[in-house]
Amino acid sequence: MSDFVTLKSNSDFRRLYNRGKAVTDPALVVYYSKNRAGICRIGITTSKKIGNAVERNRSRRVIREAFRKVCPQLNPCYDIVLVARSKTKYLKSTYIEEVLKKIFENEGMLKSESDGE
């Protein structure tokens, strides 16, 4: 079973856009806020500025795979929206994974060493 649930309702996305904190990188934008659900909830957005459907779907797949690898290290009490940028369609999931780790570490969203034991 996965460690995260996908956000599907428009109200969840809008809540994060308006009230959540935002962190930008040339590869993607991360909106996040704490939740009370006790599980990580994620949403991925790609606009038509990214390209055609094939390029948008590839961007989503790359972001989803990178997040899947970072998710076990993440505290499970966050709602996160990942927004692809035009550069994302050219990147590999390993690069996106490094970007996510850097962002999550800078924002204090990763589990501490004492939590893992």
Protein backbone atom coordinates (compact mmCIF):
# COMPACT_ATOMS: atom_id res chain seq x y z
CA MET A 1 0.00 0.00 0.00
CA SER A 2 1.24 3.50 -0.79
CA ASP A 3 2.14 6.05 1.86
CA PHE A 4 0.16 8.81 0.21
CA VAL A 5 -3.32 9.57 -1.11
CA THR A 6 -4.05 11.73 -4.13
CA LEU A 7 -5.91 15.02 -3.86
CA LYS A 8 -8.80 15.12 -6.28
CA SER A 9 -11.19 17.90 -5.28
CA ASN A 10 -10.79 21.38 -6.66
CA SER A 11 -11.38 22.87 -3.20
CA ASP A 12 -8.29 21.09 -1.83
CA PHE A 13 -6.14 22.46 -4.64
CA ARG A 14 -7.54 25.99 -4.21
CA ARG A 15 -7.02 25.85 -0.44
CA LEU A 16 -3.35 25.03 -0.92
CA TYR A 17 -2.87 27.69 -3.61
CA ASN A 18 -4.41 30.37 -1.39
CA ARG A 19 -3.38 29.40 2.15
CA GLY A 20 -0.44 27.04 1.71
CA LYS A 21 3.21 27.93 1.56
CA ALA A 22 4.89 27.95 -1.85
CA VAL A 23 8.44 27.02 -2.81
CA THR A 24 9.66 27.48 -6.37
CA ASP A 25 12.40 25.84 -8.38
CA PRO A 26 13.06 25.99 -12.13
CA ALA A 27 11.82 22.40 -12.37
CA LEU A 28 8.59 22.68 -10.34
CA VAL A 29 6.58 24.58 -7.75
CA VAL A 30 5.59 23.02 -4.42
CA TYR A 31 2.58 24.21 -2.42
CA TYR A 32 2.15 22.61 0.99
CA SER A 33 0.39 22.88 4.32
CA LYS A 34 -0.08 20.65 7.33
CA ASN A 35 -3.16 18.48 7.62
CA ARG A 36 -4.80 16.56 10.43
CA ALA A 37 -5.35 13.37 8.44
CA GLY A 38 -2.09 11.74 9.55
CA ILE A 39 -1.30 10.75 5.97
CA CYS A 40 0.45 12.54 3.14
CA ARG A 41 -1.92 13.75 0.42
CA ILE A 42 -0.53 14.81 -2.95
CA GLY A 43 -1.84 16.48 -6.07
CA ILE A 44 0.04 17.03 -9.33
CA THR A 45 -0.87 19.81 -11.76
CA THR A 46 0.30 20.37 -15.32
CA SER A 47 -1.10 23.20 -17.41
CA LYS A 48 -1.42 23.41 -21.17
CA LYS A 49 1.63 25.69 -21.18
CA ILE A 50 3.70 22.53 -20.65
CA GLY A 51 2.80 21.13 -24.06
CA ASN A 52 0.52 18.58 -25.59
CA ALA A 53 -1.13 15.71 -23.70
CA VAL A 54 1.84 13.37 -24.14
CA GLU A 55 4.25 15.90 -22.63
CA ARG A 56 1.88 16.74 -19.76
CA ASN A 57 1.38 13.07 -18.93
CA ARG A 58 5.14 12.43 -19.02
CA SER A 59 5.69 15.36 -16.66
CA ARG A 60 3.11 13.93 -14.24
CA ARG A 61 4.66 10.45 -14.41
CA VAL A 62 8.15 11.80 -13.74
CA ILE A 63 6.97 13.88 -10.77
CA ARG A 64 4.91 11.00 -9.35
CA GLU A 65 7.85 8.58 -9.53
CA ALA A 66 10.22 11.08 -7.91
CA PHE A 67 7.71 11.72 -5.12
CA ARG A 68 7.20 7.98 -4.62
CA LYS A 69 10.91 7.62 -3.84
CA VAL A 70 11.00 10.62 -1.46
CA CYS A 71 7.70 9.83 0.30
CA PRO A 72 9.08 7.34 2.91
CA GLN A 73 11.39 10.08 4.25
CA LEU A 74 8.56 12.64 4.49
CA ASN A 75 6.51 13.41 7.60
CA PRO A 76 3.02 11.99 6.97
CA CYS A 77 1.02 15.08 7.92
CA TYR A 78 1.16 17.28 4.81
CA ASP A 79 -1.04 18.18 1.87
CA ILE A 80 1.20 18.84 -1.12
CA VAL A 81 0.51 20.14 -4.62
CA LEU A 82 3.32 19.79 -7.16
CA VAL A 83 3.02 22.04 -10.20
CA ALA A 84 5.06 21.18 -13.28
CA ARG A 85 6.88 23.92 -15.13
CA SER A 86 7.85 24.04 -18.80
CA LYS A 87 11.31 22.64 -18.03
CA THR A 88 9.90 19.56 -16.27
CA LYS A 89 9.10 17.65 -19.46
CA TYR A 90 12.81 17.46 -20.32
CA LEU A 91 14.00 16.22 -16.91
CA LYS A 92 14.52 12.75 -15.48
CA SER A 93 12.84 11.53 -12.29
CA THR A 94 16.20 11.29 -10.51
CA TYR A 95 16.74 15.03 -10.95
CA ILE A 96 13.21 15.81 -9.76
CA GLU A 97 13.82 13.52 -6.78
CA GLU A 98 16.91 15.56 -5.81
CA VAL A 99 14.94 18.79 -6.17
CA LEU A 100 12.13 17.45 -3.98
CA LYS A 101 14.57 16.26 -1.30
CA LYS A 102 16.26 19.65 -1.26
CA ILE A 103 12.94 21.52 -1.00
CA PHE A 104 11.53 19.21 1.69
CA GLU A 105 14.74 19.39 3.70
CA ASN A 106 14.88 23.19 3.53
CA GLU A 107 11.25 23.42 4.64
CA GLY A 108 11.71 20.93 7.51
CA MET A 109 9.24 18.42 6.10
CA LEU A 110 11.50 15.35 6.30
CA LYS A 111 11.47 12.94 9.23
CA SER A 112 14.21 13.52 11.75
CA GLU A 113 16.73 10.75 12.50
CA SER A 114 15.13 10.02 15.91
CA ASP A 115 11.71 9.46 14.27
CA GLY A 116 13.02 6.66 12.05
CA GLU A 117 14.18 4.45 14.95
